[in-house]
Amino acid sequence: GKQRELVAVITNGGGPNYGDSVKGRFTISRDNAQNTVYLQMIDLK
């Protein structure tokens, strides 16, 4: 029932950008060699 919203994005060579509701709880990272992005989520609600 809700619109799709930003959680977190990251550009290869750039910094991350987080949605307000997940700041401080989620961490995005990427492995450029593996073309893989990870999202570590803690304190889930």
ModelCIF file with pLDDT and N, C-alpha, C, O atoms, coordinates in Angstrom:
data_MODEL
#
_entry.id   MODEL 
#
_entity.id                         1 
_entity.type                       polymer 
_entity.pdbx_number_of_molecules   1 
#
_entity_poly.entity_id                      1 
_entity_poly.type                           'polypeptide(L)' 
_entity_poly.nstd_linkage                   no 
_entity_poly.nstd_monomer                   no 
_entity_poly.pdbx_seq_one_letter_code       GKQRELVAVITNGGGPNYGDSVKGRFTISRDNAQNTVYLQMIDLK 
_entity_poly.pdbx_seq_one_letter_code_can   GKQRELVAVITNGGGPNYGDSVKGRFTISRDNAQNTVYLQMIDLK 
_entity_poly.pdbx_strand_id                 A 
#
loop_
_entity_poly_seq.entity_id 
_entity_poly_seq.num 
_entity_poly_seq.mon_id 
_entity_poly_seq.hetero 
1 1  GLY n 
1 2  LYS n 
1 3  GLN n 
1 4  ARG n 
1 5  GLU n 
1 6  LEU n 
1 7  VAL n 
1 8  ALA n 
1 9  VAL n 
1 10 ILE n 
1 11 THR n 
1 12 ASN n 
1 13 GLY n 
1 14 GLY n 
1 15 GLY n 
1 16 PRO n 
1 17 ASN n 
1 18 TYR n 
1 19 GLY n 
1 20 ASP n 
1 21 SER n 
1 22 VAL n 
1 23 LYS n 
1 24 GLY n 
1 25 ARG n 
1 26 PHE n 
1 27 THR n 
1 28 ILE n 
1 29 SER n 
1 30 ARG n 
1 31 ASP n 
1 32 ASN n 
1 33 ALA n 
1 34 GLN n 
1 35 ASN n 
1 36 THR n 
1 37 VAL n 
1 38 TYR n 
1 39 LEU n 
1 40 GLN n 
1 41 MET n 
1 42 ILE n 
1 43 ASP n 
1 44 LEU n 
1 45 LYS n 
#
_struct_asym.id          A 
_struct_asym.entity_id   1 
#
loop_
_ma_qa_metric.id 
_ma_qa_metric.mode 
_ma_qa_metric.name 
_ma_qa_metric.software_group_id 
_ma_qa_metric.type 
1 global pLDDT . pLDDT 
2 local  pLDDT . pLDDT 
#
_ma_qa_metric_global.metric_id      1 
_ma_qa_metric_global.metric_value   95.18 
_ma_qa_metric_global.model_id       1 
_ma_qa_metric_global.ordinal_id     1 
#
loop_
_ma_qa_metric_local.label_asym_id 
_ma_qa_metric_local.label_comp_id 
_ma_qa_metric_local.label_seq_id 
_ma_qa_metric_local.metric_id 
_ma_qa_metric_local.metric_value 
_ma_qa_metric_local.model_id 
_ma_qa_metric_local.ordinal_id 
A GLY 1  2 95.00 1 1  
A LYS 2  2 97.00 1 2  
A GLN 3  2 97.00 1 3  
A ARG 4  2 97.00 1 4  
A GLU 5  2 98.00 1 5  
A LEU 6  2 98.00 1 6  
A VAL 7  2 98.00 1 7  
A ALA 8  2 98.00 1 8  
A VAL 9  2 98.00 1 9  
A ILE 10 2 96.00 1 10 
A THR 11 2 93.00 1 11 
A ASN 12 2 84.00 1 12 
A GLY 13 2 78.00 1 13 
A GLY 14 2 79.00 1 14 
A GLY 15 2 88.00 1 15 
A PRO 16 2 96.00 1 16 
A ASN 17 2 97.00 1 17 
A TYR 18 2 98.00 1 18 
A GLY 19 2 97.00 1 19 
A ASP 20 2 97.00 1 20 
A SER 21 2 96.00 1 21 
A VAL 22 2 97.00 1 22 
A LYS 23 2 97.00 1 23 
A GLY 24 2 96.00 1 24 
A ARG 25 2 98.00 1 25 
A PHE 26 2 98.00 1 26 
A THR 27 2 98.00 1 27 
A ILE 28 2 98.00 1 28 
A SER 29 2 96.00 1 29 
A ARG 30 2 94.00 1 30 
A ASP 31 2 93.00 1 31 
A ASN 32 2 91.00 1 32 
A ALA 33 2 91.00 1 33 
A GLN 34 2 92.00 1 34 
A ASN 35 2 93.00 1 35 
A THR 36 2 96.00 1 36 
A VAL 37 2 97.00 1 37 
A TYR 38 2 98.00 1 38 
A LEU 39 2 98.00 1 39 
A GLN 40 2 98.00 1 40 
A MET 41 2 98.00 1 41 
A ILE 42 2 98.00 1 42 
A ASP 43 2 98.00 1 43 
A LEU 44 2 98.00 1 44 
A LYS 45 2 97.00 1 45 
#
loop_
_atom_site.group_PDB 
_atom_site.id 
_atom_site.type_symbol 
_atom_site.label_atom_id 
_atom_site.label_alt_id 
_atom_site.label_comp_id 
_atom_site.label_asym_id 
_atom_site.label_entity_id 
_atom_site.label_seq_id 
_atom_site.pdbx_PDB_ins_code 
_atom_site.Cartn_x 
_atom_site.Cartn_y 
_atom_site.Cartn_z 
_atom_site.occupancy 
_atom_site.B_iso_or_equiv 
_atom_site.pdbx_formal_charge 
_atom_site.auth_seq_id 
_atom_site.auth_comp_id 
_atom_site.auth_asym_id 
_atom_site.auth_atom_id 
_atom_site.pdbx_PDB_model_num 
ATOM 1   N N  . GLY A 1 1  ? 0.776  -1.226 0.000  1.00 95.00 ? 1  GLY A N  1 
ATOM 2   C CA . GLY A 1 1  ? 0.000  0.000  0.000  1.00 95.00 ? 1  GLY A CA 1 
ATOM 3   C C  . GLY A 1 1  ? 0.811  1.281  0.000  1.00 95.00 ? 1  GLY A C  1 
ATOM 4   O O  . GLY A 1 1  ? 0.253  2.376  0.083  1.00 95.00 ? 1  GLY A O  1 
ATOM 5   N N  . LYS A 1 2  ? 2.131  1.147  -0.094 1.00 97.00 ? 2  LYS A N  1 
ATOM 6   C CA . LYS A 1 2  ? 2.987  2.329  -0.068 1.00 97.00 ? 2  LYS A CA 1 
ATOM 7   C C  . LYS A 1 2  ? 3.818  2.418  -1.341 1.00 97.00 ? 2  LYS A C  1 
ATOM 8   O O  . LYS A 1 2  ? 3.972  1.443  -2.076 1.00 97.00 ? 2  LYS A O  1 
ATOM 9   N N  . GLN A 1 3  ? 4.345  3.606  -1.580 1.00 97.00 ? 3  GLN A N  1 
ATOM 10  C CA . GLN A 1 3  ? 5.205  3.806  -2.738 1.00 97.00 ? 3  GLN A CA 1 
ATOM 11  C C  . GLN A 1 3  ? 6.614  3.245  -2.461 1.00 97.00 ? 3  GLN A C  1 
ATOM 12  O O  . GLN A 1 3  ? 7.049  3.139  -1.315 1.00 97.00 ? 3  GLN A O  1 
ATOM 13  N N  . ARG A 1 4  ? 7.286  2.903  -3.525 1.00 97.00 ? 4  ARG A N  1 
ATOM 14  C CA . ARG A 1 4  ? 8.663  2.460  -3.397 1.00 97.00 ? 4  ARG A CA 1 
ATOM 15  C C  . ARG A 1 4  ? 9.509  3.638  -2.915 1.00 97.00 ? 4  ARG A C  1 
ATOM 16  O O  . ARG A 1 4  ? 9.357  4.760  -3.398 1.00 97.00 ? 4  ARG A O  1 
ATOM 17  N N  . GLU A 1 5  ? 10.400 3.373  -1.959 1.00 98.00 ? 5  GLU A N  1 
ATOM 18  C CA . GLU A 1 5  ? 11.204 4.441  -1.388 1.00 98.00 ? 5  GLU A CA 1 
ATOM 19  C C  . GLU A 1 5  ? 12.680 4.059  -1.347 1.00 98.00 ? 5  GLU A C  1 
ATOM 20  O O  . GLU A 1 5  ? 13.040 2.882  -1.325 1.00 98.00 ? 5  GLU A O  1 
ATOM 21  N N  . LEU A 1 6  ? 13.508 5.076  -1.338 1.00 98.00 ? 6  LEU A N  1 
ATOM 22  C CA . LEU A 1 6  ? 14.944 4.885  -1.251 1.00 98.00 ? 6  LEU A CA 1 
ATOM 23  C C  . LEU A 1 6  ? 15.322 4.322  0.111  1.00 98.00 ? 6  LEU A C  1 
ATOM 24  O O  . LEU A 1 6  ? 14.858 4.795  1.148  1.00 98.00 ? 6  LEU A O  1 
ATOM 25  N N  . VAL A 1 7  ? 16.172 3.306  0.086  1.00 98.00 ? 7  VAL A N  1 
ATOM 26  C CA . VAL A 1 7  ? 16.800 2.816  1.306  1.00 98.00 ? 7  VAL A CA 1 
ATOM 27  C C  . VAL A 1 7  ? 18.240 3.326  1.359  1.00 98.00 ? 7  VAL A C  1 
ATOM 28  O O  . VAL A 1 7  ? 18.617 4.061  2.272  1.00 98.00 ? 7  VAL A O  1 
ATOM 29  N N  . ALA A 1 8  ? 19.033 2.930  0.373  1.00 98.00 ? 8  ALA A N  1 
ATOM 30  C CA . ALA A 1 8  ? 20.426 3.378  0.312  1.00 98.00 ? 8  ALA A CA 1 
ATOM 31  C C  . ALA A 1 8  ? 20.980 3.089  -1.062 1.00 98.00 ? 8  ALA A C  1 
ATOM 32  O O  . ALA A 1 8  ? 20.650 2.070  -1.669 1.00 98.00 ? 8  ALA A O  1 
ATOM 33  N N  . VAL A 1 9  ? 21.826 3.985  -1.561 1.00 98.00 ? 9  VAL A N  1 
ATOM 34  C CA . VAL A 1 9  ? 22.515 3.784  -2.830 1.00 98.00 ? 9  VAL A CA 1 
ATOM 35  C C  . VAL A 1 9  ? 23.958 4.188  -2.665 1.00 98.00 ? 9  VAL A C  1 
ATOM 36  O O  . VAL A 1 9  ? 24.312 4.953  -1.767 1.00 98.00 ? 9  VAL A O  1 
ATOM 37  N N  . ILE A 1 10 ? 24.793 3.657  -3.553 1.00 96.00 ? 10 ILE A N  1 
ATOM 38  C CA . ILE A 1 10 ? 26.215 3.993  -3.523 1.00 96.00 ? 10 ILE A CA 1 
ATOM 39  C C  . ILE A 1 10 ? 26.766 3.896  -4.941 1.00 96.00 ? 10 ILE A C  1 
ATOM 40  O O  . ILE A 1 10 ? 26.461 2.954  -5.672 1.00 96.00 ? 10 ILE A O  1 
ATOM 41  N N  . THR A 1 11 ? 27.568 4.862  -5.315 1.00 93.00 ? 11 THR A N  1 
ATOM 42  C CA . THR A 1 11 ? 28.196 4.901  -6.631 1.00 93.00 ? 11 THR A CA 1 
ATOM 43  C C  . THR A 1 11 ? 29.618 4.359  -6.533 1.00 93.00 ? 11 THR A C  1 
ATOM 44  O O  . THR A 1 11 ? 30.313 4.614  -5.549 1.00 93.00 ? 11 THR A O  1 
ATOM 45  N N  . ASN A 1 12 ? 30.050 3.617  -7.542 1.00 84.00 ? 12 ASN A N  1 
ATOM 46  C CA . ASN A 1 12 ? 31.420 3.114  -7.487 1.00 84.00 ? 12 ASN A CA 1 
ATOM 47  C C  . ASN A 1 12 ? 32.379 4.310  -7.436 1.00 84.00 ? 12 ASN A C  1 
ATOM 48  O O  . ASN A 1 12 ? 32.408 5.141  -8.343 1.00 84.00 ? 12 ASN A O  1 
ATOM 49  N N  . GLY A 1 13 ? 33.148 4.372  -6.374 1.00 78.00 ? 13 GLY A N  1 
ATOM 50  C CA . GLY A 1 13 ? 34.054 5.486  -6.161 1.00 78.00 ? 13 GLY A CA 1 
ATOM 51  C C  . GLY A 1 13 ? 33.442 6.641  -5.411 1.00 78.00 ? 13 GLY A C  1 
ATOM 52  O O  . GLY A 1 13 ? 34.126 7.623  -5.123 1.00 78.00 ? 13 GLY A O  1 
ATOM 53  N N  . GLY A 1 14 ? 32.152 6.544  -5.084 1.00 79.00 ? 14 GLY A N  1 
ATOM 54  C CA . GLY A 1 14 ? 31.497 7.633  -4.378 1.00 79.00 ? 14 GLY A CA 1 
ATOM 55  C C  . GLY A 1 14 ? 30.973 7.214  -3.025 1.00 79.00 ? 14 GLY A C  1 
ATOM 56  O O  . GLY A 1 14 ? 31.097 6.059  -2.618 1.00 79.00 ? 14 GLY A O  1 
ATOM 57  N N  . GLY A 1 15 ? 30.390 8.169  -2.343 1.00 88.00 ? 15 GLY A N  1 
ATOM 58  C CA . GLY A 1 15 ? 29.865 7.890  -1.010 1.00 88.00 ? 15 GLY A CA 1 
ATOM 59  C C  . GLY A 1 15 ? 28.440 7.405  -1.057 1.00 88.00 ? 15 GLY A C  1 
ATOM 60  O O  . GLY A 1 15 ? 27.794 7.464  -2.103 1.00 88.00 ? 15 GLY A O  1 
ATOM 61  N N  . PRO A 1 16 ? 27.940 6.923  0.074  1.00 96.00 ? 16 PRO A N  1 
ATOM 62  C CA . PRO A 1 16 ? 26.574 6.413  0.146  1.00 96.00 ? 16 PRO A CA 1 
ATOM 63  C C  . PRO A 1 16 ? 25.550 7.528  0.354  1.00 96.00 ? 16 PRO A C  1 
ATOM 64  O O  . PRO A 1 16 ? 25.865 8.637  0.785  1.00 96.00 ? 16 PRO A O  1 
ATOM 65  N N  . ASN A 1 17 ? 24.335 7.179  0.031  1.00 97.00 ? 17 ASN A N  1 
ATOM 66  C CA . ASN A 1 17 ? 23.211 8.080  0.278  1.00 97.00 ? 17 ASN A CA 1 
ATOM 67  C C  . ASN A 1 17 ? 22.098 7.230  0.883  1.00 97.00 ? 17 ASN A C  1 
ATOM 68  O O  . ASN A 1 17 ? 21.724 6.199  0.323  1.00 97.00 ? 17 ASN A O  1 
ATOM 69  N N  . TYR A 1 18 ? 21.568 7.667  2.034  1.00 98.00 ? 18 TYR A N  1 
ATOM 70  C CA . TYR A 1 18 ? 20.580 6.882  2.765  1.00 98.00 ? 18 TYR A CA 1 
ATOM 71  C C  . TYR A 1 18 ? 19.242 7.598  2.850  1.00 98.00 ? 18 TYR A C  1 
ATOM 72  O O  . TYR A 1 18 ? 19.166 8.827  2.869  1.00 98.00 ? 18 TYR A O  1 
ATOM 73  N N  . GLY A 1 19 ? 18.180 6.783  2.902  1.00 97.00 ? 19 GLY A N  1 
ATOM 74  C CA . GLY A 1 19 ? 16.881 7.332  3.226  1.00 97.00 ? 19 GLY A CA 1 
ATOM 75  C C  . GLY A 1 19 ? 16.859 7.724  4.699  1.00 97.00 ? 19 GLY A C  1 
ATOM 76  O O  . GLY A 1 19 ? 17.552 7.119  5.518  1.00 97.00 ? 19 GLY A O  1 
ATOM 77  N N  . ASP A 1 20 ? 16.072 8.728  5.031  1.00 97.00 ? 20 ASP A N  1 
ATOM 78  C CA . ASP A 1 20 ? 16.068 9.253  6.396  1.00 97.00 ? 20 ASP A CA 1 
ATOM 79  C C  . ASP A 1 20 ? 15.684 8.197  7.429  1.00 97.00 ? 20 ASP A C  1 
ATOM 80  O O  . ASP A 1 20 ? 16.201 8.208  8.546  1.00 97.00 ? 20 ASP A O  1 
ATOM 81  N N  . SER A 1 21 ? 14.793 7.298  7.069  1.00 96.00 ? 21 SER A N  1 
ATOM 82  C CA . SER A 1 21 ? 14.276 6.347  8.053  1.00 96.00 ? 21 SER A CA 1 
ATOM 83  C C  . SER A 1 21 ? 15.274 5.250  8.423  1.00 96.00 ? 21 SER A C  1 
ATOM 84  O O  . SER A 1 21 ? 15.053 4.520  9.389  1.00 96.00 ? 21 SER A O  1 
ATOM 85  N N  . VAL A 1 22 ? 16.361 5.126  7.676  1.00 97.00 ? 22 VAL A N  1 
ATOM 86  C CA . VAL A 1 22 ? 17.314 4.050  7.960  1.00 97.00 ? 22 VAL A CA 1 
ATOM 87  C C  . VAL A 1 22 ? 18.671 4.559  8.395  1.00 97.00 ? 22 VAL A C  1 
ATOM 88  O O  . VAL A 1 22 ? 19.551 3.765  8.728  1.00 97.00 ? 22 VAL A O  1 
ATOM 89  N N  . LYS A 1 23 ? 18.857 5.861  8.400  1.00 97.00 ? 23 LYS A N  1 
ATOM 90  C CA . LYS A 1 23 ? 20.155 6.412  8.788  1.00 97.00 ? 23 LYS A CA 1 
ATOM 91  C C  . LYS A 1 23 ? 20.523 5.981  10.199 1.00 97.00 ? 23 LYS A C  1 
ATOM 92  O O  . LYS A 1 23 ? 19.711 6.049  11.122 1.00 97.00 ? 23 LYS A O  1 
ATOM 93  N N  . GLY A 1 24 ? 21.761 5.538  10.345 1.00 96.00 ? 24 GLY A N  1 
ATOM 94  C CA . GLY A 1 24 ? 22.237 5.100  11.646 1.00 96.00 ? 24 GLY A CA 1 
ATOM 95  C C  . GLY A 1 24 ? 21.978 3.632  11.935 1.00 96.00 ? 24 GLY A C  1 
ATOM 96  O O  . GLY A 1 24 ? 22.524 3.084  12.892 1.00 96.00 ? 24 GLY A O  1 
ATOM 97  N N  . ARG A 1 25 ? 21.145 2.985  11.112 1.00 98.00 ? 25 ARG A N  1 
ATOM 98  C CA . ARG A 1 25 ? 20.833 1.576  11.337 1.00 98.00 ? 25 ARG A CA 1 
ATOM 99  C C  . ARG A 1 25 ? 21.283 0.685  10.167 1.00 98.00 ? 25 ARG A C  1 
ATOM 100 O O  . ARG A 1 25 ? 21.646 -0.473 10.369 1.00 98.00 ? 25 ARG A O  1 
ATOM 101 N N  . PHE A 1 26 ? 21.257 1.216  8.986  1.00 98.00 ? 26 PHE A N  1 
ATOM 102 C CA . PHE A 1 26 ? 21.626 0.454  7.791  1.00 98.00 ? 26 PHE A CA 1 
ATOM 103 C C  . PHE A 1 26 ? 22.948 0.982  7.254  1.00 98.00 ? 26 PHE A C  1 
ATOM 104 O O  . PHE A 1 26 ? 23.243 2.174  7.334  1.00 98.00 ? 26 PHE A O  1 
ATOM 105 N N  . THR A 1 27 ? 23.734 0.064  6.703  1.00 98.00 ? 27 THR A N  1 
ATOM 106 C CA . THR A 1 27 ? 24.996 0.432  6.087  1.00 98.00 ? 27 THR A CA 1 
ATOM 107 C C  . THR A 1 27 ? 25.107 -0.235 4.726  1.00 98.00 ? 27 THR A C  1 
ATOM 108 O O  . THR A 1 27 ? 24.973 -1.453 4.607  1.00 98.00 ? 27 THR A O  1 
ATOM 109 N N  . ILE A 1 28 ? 25.353 0.570  3.704  1.00 98.00 ? 28 ILE A N  1 
ATOM 110 C CA . ILE A 1 28 ? 25.524 0.037  2.357  1.00 98.00 ? 28 ILE A CA 1 
ATOM 111 C C  . ILE A 1 28 ? 27.004 0.014  2.018  1.00 98.00 ? 28 ILE A C  1 
ATOM 112 O O  . ILE A 1 28 ? 27.751 0.925  2.378  1.00 98.00 ? 28 ILE A O  1 
ATOM 113 N N  . SER A 1 29 ? 27.416 -1.025 1.328  1.00 96.00 ? 29 SER A N  1 
ATOM 114 C CA . SER A 1 29 ? 28.797 -1.127 0.873  1.00 96.00 ? 29 SER A CA 1 
ATOM 115 C C  . SER A 1 29 ? 28.804 -1.873 -0.464 1.00 96.00 ? 29 SER A C  1 
ATOM 116 O O  . SER A 1 29 ? 27.814 -2.498 -0.842 1.00 96.00 ? 29 SER A O  1 
ATOM 117 N N  . ARG A 1 30 ? 29.917 -1.800 -1.162 1.00 94.00 ? 30 ARG A N  1 
ATOM 118 C CA . ARG A 1 30 ? 29.988 -2.499 -2.437 1.00 94.00 ? 30 ARG A CA 1 
ATOM 119 C C  . ARG A 1 30 ? 31.375 -3.036 -2.693 1.00 94.00 ? 30 ARG A C  1 
ATOM 120 O O  . ARG A 1 30 ? 32.376 -2.487 -2.232 1.00 94.00 ? 30 ARG A O  1 
ATOM 121 N N  . ASP A 1 31 ? 31.409 -4.116 -3.435 1.00 93.00 ? 31 ASP A N  1 
ATOM 122 C CA . ASP A 1 31 ? 32.651 -4.727 -3.900 1.00 93.00 ? 31 ASP A CA 1 
ATOM 123 C C  . ASP A 1 31 ? 32.682 -4.525 -5.405 1.00 93.00 ? 31 ASP A C  1 
ATOM 124 O O  . ASP A 1 31 ? 32.012 -5.242 -6.147 1.00 93.00 ? 31 ASP A O  1 
ATOM 125 N N  . ASN A 1 32 ? 33.457 -3.553 -5.852 1.00 91.00 ? 32 ASN A N  1 
ATOM 126 C CA . ASN A 1 32 ? 33.467 -3.225 -7.275 1.00 91.00 ? 32 ASN A CA 1 
ATOM 127 C C  . ASN A 1 32 ? 34.014 -4.373 -8.128 1.00 91.00 ? 32 ASN A C  1 
ATOM 128 O O  . ASN A 1 32 ? 33.572 -4.579 -9.258 1.00 91.00 ? 32 ASN A O  1 
ATOM 129 N N  . ALA A 1 33 ? 34.957 -5.101 -7.590 1.00 91.00 ? 33 ALA A N  1 
ATOM 130 C CA . ALA A 1 33 ? 35.532 -6.208 -8.349 1.00 91.00 ? 33 ALA A CA 1 
ATOM 131 C C  . ALA A 1 33 ? 34.496 -7.302 -8.602 1.00 91.00 ? 33 ALA A C  1 
ATOM 132 O O  . ALA A 1 33 ? 34.541 -7.988 -9.623 1.00 91.00 ? 33 ALA A O  1 
ATOM 133 N N  . GLN A 1 34 ? 33.564 -7.456 -7.662 1.00 92.00 ? 34 GLN A N  1 
ATOM 134 C CA . GLN A 1 34 ? 32.529 -8.487 -7.776 1.00 92.00 ? 34 GLN A CA 1 
ATOM 135 C C  . GLN A 1 34 ? 31.197 -7.918 -8.256 1.00 92.00 ? 34 GLN A C  1 
ATOM 136 O O  . GLN A 1 34 ? 30.217 -8.650 -8.400 1.00 92.00 ? 34 GLN A O  1 
ATOM 137 N N  . ASN A 1 35 ? 31.167 -6.609 -8.504 1.00 93.00 ? 35 ASN A N  1 
ATOM 138 C CA . ASN A 1 35 ? 29.920 -5.948 -8.917 1.00 93.00 ? 35 ASN A CA 1 
ATOM 139 C C  . ASN A 1 35 ? 28.770 -6.300 -7.989 1.00 93.00 ? 35 ASN A C  1 
ATOM 140 O O  . ASN A 1 35 ? 27.661 -6.606 -8.427 1.00 93.00 ? 35 ASN A O  1 
ATOM 141 N N  . THR A 1 36 ? 29.058 -6.251 -6.714 1.00 96.00 ? 36 THR A N  1 
ATOM 142 C CA . THR A 1 36 ? 28.087 -6.653 -5.697 1.00 96.00 ? 36 THR A CA 1 
ATOM 143 C C  . THR A 1 36 ? 27.899 -5.527 -4.684 1.00 96.00 ? 36 THR A C  1 
ATOM 144 O O  . THR A 1 36 ? 28.853 -4.863 -4.280 1.00 96.00 ? 36 THR A O  1 
ATOM 145 N N  . VAL A 1 37 ? 26.658 -5.335 -4.290 1.00 97.00 ? 37 VAL A N  1 
ATOM 146 C CA . VAL A 1 37 ? 26.343 -4.350 -3.270 1.00 97.00 ? 37 VAL A CA 1 
ATOM 147 C C  . VAL A 1 37 ? 25.718 -5.080 -2.087 1.00 97.00 ? 37 VAL A C  1 
ATOM 148 O O  . VAL A 1 37 ? 24.972 -6.046 -2.253 1.00 97.00 ? 37 VAL A O  1 
ATOM 149 N N  . TYR A 1 38 ? 26.037 -4.601 -0.903 1.00 98.00 ? 38 TYR A N  1 
ATOM 150 C CA . TYR A 1 38 ? 25.544 -5.210 0.325  1.00 98.00 ? 38 TYR A CA 1 
ATOM 151 C C  . TYR A 1 38 ? 24.770 -4.176 1.135  1.00 98.00 ? 38 TYR A C  1 
ATOM 152 O O  . TYR A 1 38 ? 25.047 -2.979 1.070  1.00 98.00 ? 38 TYR A O  1 
ATOM 153 N N  . LEU A 1 39 ? 23.809 -4.656 1.887  1.00 98.00 ? 39 LEU A N  1 
ATOM 154 C CA . LEU A 1 39 ? 23.070 -3.793 2.802  1.00 98.00 ? 39 LEU A CA 1 
ATOM 155 C C  . LEU A 1 39 ? 23.021 -4.494 4.152  1.00 98.00 ? 39 LEU A C  1 
ATOM 156 O O  . LEU A 1 39 ? 22.317 -5.488 4.326  1.00 98.00 ? 39 LEU A O  1 
ATOM 157 N N  . GLN A 1 40 ? 23.774 -3.965 5.096  1.00 98.00 ? 40 GLN A N  1 
ATOM 158 C CA . GLN A 1 40 ? 23.741 -4.490 6.455  1.00 98.00 ? 40 GLN A CA 1 
ATOM 159 C C  . GLN A 1 40 ? 22.689 -3.728 7.232  1.00 98.00 ? 40 GLN A C  1 
ATOM 160 O O  . GLN A 1 40 ? 22.744 -2.504 7.341  1.00 98.00 ? 40 GLN A O  1 
ATOM 161 N N  . MET A 1 41 ? 21.735 -4.460 7.768  1.00 98.00 ? 41 MET A N  1 
ATOM 162 C CA . MET A 1 41 ? 20.631 -3.841 8.486  1.00 98.00 ? 41 MET A CA 1 
ATOM 163 C C  . MET A 1 41 ? 20.651 -4.306 9.940  1.00 98.00 ? 41 MET A C  1 
ATOM 164 O O  . MET A 1 41 ? 20.633 -5.506 10.216 1.00 98.00 ? 41 MET A O  1 
ATOM 165 N N  . ILE A 1 42 ? 20.688 -3.367 10.848 1.00 98.00 ? 42 ILE A N  1 
ATOM 166 C CA . ILE A 1 42 ? 20.646 -3.690 12.267 1.00 98.00 ? 42 ILE A CA 1 
ATOM 167 C C  . ILE A 1 42 ? 19.479 -2.958 12.913 1.00 98.00 ? 42 ILE A C  1 
ATOM 168 O O  . ILE A 1 42 ? 18.887 -2.053 12.325 1.00 98.00 ? 42 ILE A O  1 
ATOM 169 N N  . ASP A 1 43 ? 19.159 -3.373 14.142 1.00 98.00 ? 43 ASP A N  1 
ATOM 170 C CA . ASP A 1 43 ? 18.070 -2.743 14.883 1.00 98.00 ? 43 ASP A CA 1 
ATOM 171 C C  . ASP A 1 43 ? 16.802 -2.649 14.027 1.00 98.00 ? 43 ASP A C  1 
ATOM 172 O O  . ASP A 1 43 ? 16.174 -1.594 13.935 1.00 98.00 ? 43 ASP A O  1 
ATOM 173 N N  . LEU A 1 44 ? 16.450 -3.755 13.417 1.00 98.00 ? 44 LEU A N  1 
ATOM 174 C CA . LEU A 1 44 ? 15.301 -3.763 12.524 1.00 98.00 ? 44 LEU A CA 1 
ATOM 175 C C  . LEU A 1 44 ? 14.003 -3.547 13.283 1.00 98.00 ? 44 LEU A C  1 
ATOM 176 O O  . LEU A 1 44 ? 13.850 -3.991 14.421 1.00 98.00 ? 44 LEU A O  1 
ATOM 177 N N  . LYS A 1 45 ? 13.074 -2.858 12.637 1.00 97.00 ? 45 LYS A N  1 
ATOM 178 C CA . LYS A 1 45 ? 11.791 -2.510 13.222 1.00 97.00 ? 45 LYS A CA 1 
ATOM 179 C C  . LYS A 1 45 ? 10.664 -3.057 12.339 1.00 97.00 ? 45 LYS A C  1 
ATOM 180 O O  . LYS A 1 45 ? 9.489  -2.873 12.654 1.00 97.00 ? 45 LYS A O  1 
#
